[in-house]
Structures are given as structure tokens and as C-alpha cells.
Amino acid sequence: MTRFFPFAALLLLAASSNHVASAQATSATAAPTWRVDATHSFIGFKVRHLGLSSVTGAFRDYDATITLDPADPASFRAEAVIQAASVDTENERRDNHLRSDDFFDAENHPELRFVTKEVRDRGDGQLEIVGDLTIRGTTQEIVLDGEIIGTAAMGNSERVGIEAEGRINRFDYGLKFDSVMEAGGFVVGEDVRLVLEIEAIKN
């Protein structure tokens, strides 16, 4: 009978592995989904102007899906589709320039996209969020520093707060406007700071 032991052990190991995989899949699918409350959220950016001040912009039209179990921050997943033409810096002339081929080329590339690939739990609600960001048809992997702010009840709804920040080089995505100042340096900064402040409602 001993000659059958290795085979039996393999069967037990396979069953155990399947059980673990099934438990992991169940855990992943058990994380609830949340819809972003746009009236209490901000998806935008900050960029230097003349190397002196920062221009802040936001996108007003977007669709985002979040999956998260607040007790398991690493379960965080997000997918967002942002309408490039909805960029708003509270200056119509500047916004039209940002929609042009110098920047987002919104007519030919109407959507910006972000999809998470991996999330690392740093403890105390701190996250390292790795994802693919697509602008003007170019996709680059970026890393965001995120934080689960917490949850709160409001009426019959449960809400969660999430913040994240990161940096990209706009030239990597073809945002090619490169007017140079007389003293050197770009009129519009090369590095762009991404800022996300999200309040989402549990489905």
C-alpha cells in the first residue's frame, strides 16, 4: 500500500491548493463595490506655471468603479474612464488649449483611462497602487501613494474615503506643448502631480 502514498499525497495537495484558490477567489469577489459621489470627489492635477505657481485642474465627467473591503486595504481595485474634454481649470481659454492637439487632443483621444494592476498594503490604511494610465492612446505604468481615509454612515448609505497622489511626465504621453521661457525652462511644467480625493457610496 505504501507505493500508493505519493499519489494520494498529490491528490490531497491538489485538493488543498484548490481549496485555497477557491477561498482566495471567494475573498476577492466578496469585496463590495462602490460608486463615486462626484459631488464630494476630486479627480485632477497640479502643474507648475513659469516655475512659480501651480495651476490646478479637474475633470468633471468620469465613470469610476471601485472594489474594496475596508478591512482588507489590499483588496482595493479601481477602473476609471475620464472624458478629456471635461478638463476644467476655471479659465475657458486655457481649457480650450488643454483640449487641443498641444495637450489632450480631446477630439481624437476623448478618453483617459486608469486600471489598477497591483495594490500593496503598507499598513495603517496606506497603499501603494500600481496601475496603467492611458492618455492620448499611450499607456504607461504609474505608481500612486494611496490612503484609505475611513468609512462613515450617512442616512441609509455607507461611504468610504480614499485619497491618492502620484506624478507623471506629460511628455511621456504626448502632451507636447513646450514653449520655453527666455531664461530657460518650460512655461508649463514637465512634471504633473495627480491628485485624487474620492468619496464613494457602497452599492
Protein backbone atom coordinates (compact mmCIF):
# COMPACT_ATOMS: atom_id res chain seq x y z
CA MET A 1 0.00 0.00 0.00
CA THR A 2 2.91 2.33 0.60
CA ARG A 3 3.54 2.59 -3.13
CA PHE A 4 0.21 4.41 -3.47
CA PHE A 5 1.05 7.02 -0.83
CA PRO A 6 2.78 9.56 -3.13
CA PHE A 7 -0.22 9.56 -5.46
CA ALA A 8 -2.63 10.01 -2.57
CA ALA A 9 -0.48 12.80 -1.19
CA LEU A 10 -0.58 14.56 -4.55
CA LEU A 11 -4.36 14.28 -4.58
CA LEU A 12 -4.57 15.77 -1.10
CA LEU A 13 -2.17 18.57 -2.05
CA ALA A 14 -4.17 19.37 -5.18
CA ALA A 15 -7.40 19.41 -3.18
CA SER A 16 -5.81 21.70 -0.61
CA SER A 17 -4.49 24.03 -3.34
CA ASN A 18 -7.89 24.17 -4.98
CA HIS A 19 -9.47 24.98 -1.63
CA VAL A 20 -7.01 27.85 -1.06
CA ALA A 21 -7.52 29.18 -4.58
CA SER A 22 -11.29 28.91 -4.15
CA ALA A 23 -11.09 30.74 -0.80
CA GLN A 24 -8.95 33.48 -2.36
CA ALA A 25 -11.37 33.86 -5.26
CA THR A 26 -14.31 33.98 -2.85
CA SER A 27 -12.50 36.63 -0.79
CA ALA A 28 -11.79 38.70 -3.92
CA THR A 29 -15.37 38.51 -5.16
CA ALA A 30 -16.73 39.20 -1.69
CA ALA A 31 -15.26 42.71 -1.63
CA PRO A 32 -18.14 45.15 -2.15
CA THR A 33 -18.33 47.66 -4.99
CA TRP A 34 -18.70 51.40 -4.52
CA ARG A 35 -19.88 54.23 -6.77
CA VAL A 36 -18.08 57.54 -6.69
CA ASP A 37 -20.02 60.51 -5.32
CA ALA A 38 -18.88 63.15 -7.79
CA THR A 39 -20.26 66.00 -5.68
CA HIS A 40 -17.77 65.13 -2.92
CA SER A 41 -14.85 63.92 -5.04
CA PHE A 42 -11.98 65.45 -6.97
CA ILE A 43 -10.01 63.92 -9.85
CA GLY A 44 -7.42 66.35 -11.06
CA PHE A 45 -3.88 67.58 -11.36
CA LYS A 46 -1.45 70.35 -10.49
CA VAL A 47 1.31 71.66 -12.76
CA ARG A 48 3.82 74.48 -12.47
CA HIS A 49 3.38 77.68 -14.48
CA LEU A 50 6.55 79.67 -15.23
CA GLY A 51 8.17 77.67 -12.44
CA LEU A 52 6.49 79.99 -9.95
CA SER A 53 2.93 78.94 -9.20
CA SER A 54 0.74 75.90 -9.73
CA VAL A 55 -2.30 75.61 -11.96
CA THR A 56 -4.91 73.22 -10.61
CA GLY A 57 -7.29 71.41 -12.94
CA ALA A 58 -10.07 68.86 -12.53
CA PHE A 59 -12.06 66.53 -14.74
CA ARG A 60 -15.81 66.95 -14.32
CA ASP A 61 -17.05 63.97 -16.34
CA TYR A 62 -15.88 60.48 -15.46
CA ASP A 63 -17.08 56.99 -14.65
CA ALA A 64 -15.25 55.01 -11.97
CA THR A 65 -15.77 51.58 -10.46
CA ILE A 66 -14.20 50.72 -7.11
CA THR A 67 -14.00 47.37 -5.36
CA LEU A 68 -12.87 47.44 -1.74
CA ASP A 69 -13.24 45.67 1.57
CA PRO A 70 -12.22 48.41 4.05
CA ALA A 71 -11.00 45.71 6.43
CA ASP A 72 -8.61 44.50 3.72
CA PRO A 73 -7.00 47.55 2.06
CA ALA A 74 -5.08 45.37 -0.40
CA SER A 75 -8.45 44.35 -1.90
CA PHE A 76 -8.72 47.83 -3.43
CA ARG A 77 -9.27 47.82 -7.19
CA ALA A 78 -10.33 50.69 -9.43
CA GLU A 79 -11.10 51.35 -13.05
CA ALA A 80 -11.84 54.85 -14.31
CA VAL A 81 -12.75 56.35 -17.67
CA ILE A 82 -12.35 60.14 -17.81
CA GLN A 83 -13.62 62.43 -20.55
CA ALA A 84 -10.71 64.59 -21.70
CA ALA A 85 -12.98 67.40 -22.86
CA SER A 86 -14.30 67.83 -19.32
CA VAL A 87 -10.99 69.34 -18.13
CA ASP A 88 -11.65 72.44 -16.06
CA THR A 89 -9.08 74.93 -14.76
CA GLU A 90 -11.64 77.73 -14.34
CA ASN A 91 -10.23 79.53 -17.38
CA GLU A 92 -12.04 78.91 -20.70
CA ARG A 93 -9.13 79.93 -22.93
CA ARG A 94 -6.70 77.68 -21.06
CA ASP A 95 -9.20 74.80 -21.03
CA ASN A 96 -9.64 75.01 -24.80
CA HIS A 97 -5.85 74.94 -25.18
CA LEU A 98 -5.68 71.83 -22.98
CA ARG A 99 -8.30 70.15 -25.21
CA SER A 100 -6.25 70.90 -28.32
CA ASP A 101 -3.54 68.83 -30.01
CA ASP A 102 -0.90 70.59 -27.88
CA PHE A 103 -2.17 68.64 -24.87
CA PHE A 104 -5.01 66.08 -24.60
CA ASP A 105 -6.18 66.20 -28.24
CA ALA A 106 -9.67 65.51 -26.95
CA GLU A 107 -11.21 65.32 -30.42
CA ASN A 108 -9.10 62.29 -31.43
CA HIS A 109 -8.46 60.87 -27.95
CA PRO A 110 -11.65 61.59 -25.98
CA GLU A 111 -10.91 59.31 -23.02
CA LEU A 112 -8.27 58.94 -20.35
CA ARG A 113 -8.22 55.57 -18.60
CA PHE A 114 -6.80 54.13 -15.39
CA VAL A 115 -6.87 50.48 -14.31
CA THR A 116 -5.22 49.07 -11.20
CA LYS A 117 -2.79 46.17 -11.65
CA GLU A 118 -1.50 45.59 -8.13
CA VAL A 119 -2.10 47.06 -4.69
CA ARG A 120 0.31 46.69 -1.80
CA ASP A 121 -0.87 47.22 1.78
CA ARG A 122 1.68 49.29 3.71
CA GLY A 123 -0.31 49.22 6.94
CA ASP A 124 -2.42 51.83 8.71
CA GLY A 125 -4.55 52.26 5.59
CA GLN A 126 -1.56 53.26 3.44
CA LEU A 127 -1.41 51.77 -0.05
CA GLU A 128 0.95 51.54 -2.97
CA ILE A 129 -1.27 51.45 -6.04
CA VAL A 130 0.24 50.23 -9.32
CA GLY A 131 -1.82 50.74 -12.44
CA ASP A 132 -1.91 51.56 -16.14
CA LEU A 133 -2.71 55.14 -17.13
CA THR A 134 -3.70 55.84 -20.73
CA ILE A 135 -3.59 59.36 -22.19
CA ARG A 136 -3.74 60.16 -25.92
CA GLY A 137 -3.62 56.44 -26.69
CA THR A 138 -0.34 55.94 -24.81
CA THR A 139 -0.35 53.60 -21.81
CA GLN A 140 2.27 53.81 -19.08
CA GLU A 141 2.51 52.10 -15.71
CA ILE A 142 2.34 54.52 -12.79
CA VAL A 143 2.54 54.22 -9.01
CA LEU A 144 0.23 56.15 -6.69
CA ASP A 145 0.58 56.64 -2.96
CA GLY A 146 -2.88 55.96 -1.59
CA GLU A 147 -4.70 56.02 1.71
CA ILE A 148 -8.00 54.60 2.92
CA ILE A 149 -9.27 57.54 4.97
CA GLY A 150 -12.08 55.59 6.61
CA THR A 151 -15.78 54.85 6.41
CA ALA A 152 -18.87 56.66 7.64
CA ALA A 153 -22.62 56.19 7.63
CA MET A 154 -24.91 58.82 6.11
CA GLY A 155 -28.59 58.05 6.17
CA ASN A 156 -29.03 54.56 4.79
CA SER A 157 -25.72 54.59 2.95
CA GLU A 158 -22.18 53.59 3.87
CA ARG A 159 -19.39 55.73 2.50
CA VAL A 160 -15.63 55.35 2.17
CA GLY A 161 -12.94 57.98 1.68
CA ILE A 162 -9.88 57.31 -0.48
CA GLU A 163 -7.04 59.64 -1.41
CA ALA A 164 -4.14 59.08 -3.79
CA GLU A 165 -1.33 61.09 -5.34
CA GLY A 166 1.35 60.47 -7.94
CA ARG A 167 3.49 62.13 -10.58
CA ILE A 168 3.88 61.70 -14.32
CA ASN A 169 5.94 63.36 -17.04
CA ARG A 170 3.47 64.81 -19.54
CA PHE A 171 5.91 64.34 -22.43
CA ASP A 172 5.67 60.56 -21.87
CA TYR A 173 2.05 60.81 -23.01
CA GLY A 174 2.50 63.15 -25.96
CA LEU A 175 1.31 66.32 -24.20
CA LYS A 176 3.91 68.09 -26.27
CA PHE A 177 3.42 71.83 -25.70
CA ASP A 178 6.95 73.03 -24.95
CA SER A 179 7.04 76.82 -25.05
CA VAL A 180 10.28 77.90 -23.37
CA MET A 181 10.85 80.99 -21.24
CA GLU A 182 13.62 83.45 -22.14
CA ALA A 183 15.55 82.46 -19.02
CA GLY A 184 15.09 78.76 -19.78
CA GLY A 185 12.59 76.21 -18.54
CA PHE A 186 9.10 75.46 -19.81
CA VAL A 187 6.16 77.83 -19.46
CA VAL A 188 4.13 74.77 -18.44
CA GLY A 189 5.95 72.35 -16.17
CA GLU A 190 7.09 68.97 -17.42
CA ASP A 191 6.05 67.07 -14.27
CA VAL A 192 2.37 66.80 -13.42
CA ARG A 193 1.10 65.93 -9.96
CA LEU A 194 -2.00 63.73 -9.97
CA VAL A 195 -4.48 64.28 -7.14
CA LEU A 196 -7.46 62.07 -6.30
CA GLU A 197 -9.83 62.67 -3.41
CA ILE A 198 -12.67 60.19 -3.57
CA GLU A 199 -15.83 59.69 -1.56
CA ALA A 200 -17.73 56.61 -2.68
CA ILE A 201 -21.04 55.05 -1.71
CA LYS A 202 -21.40 51.32 -1.14
CA ASN A 203 -23.66 49.61 -3.67
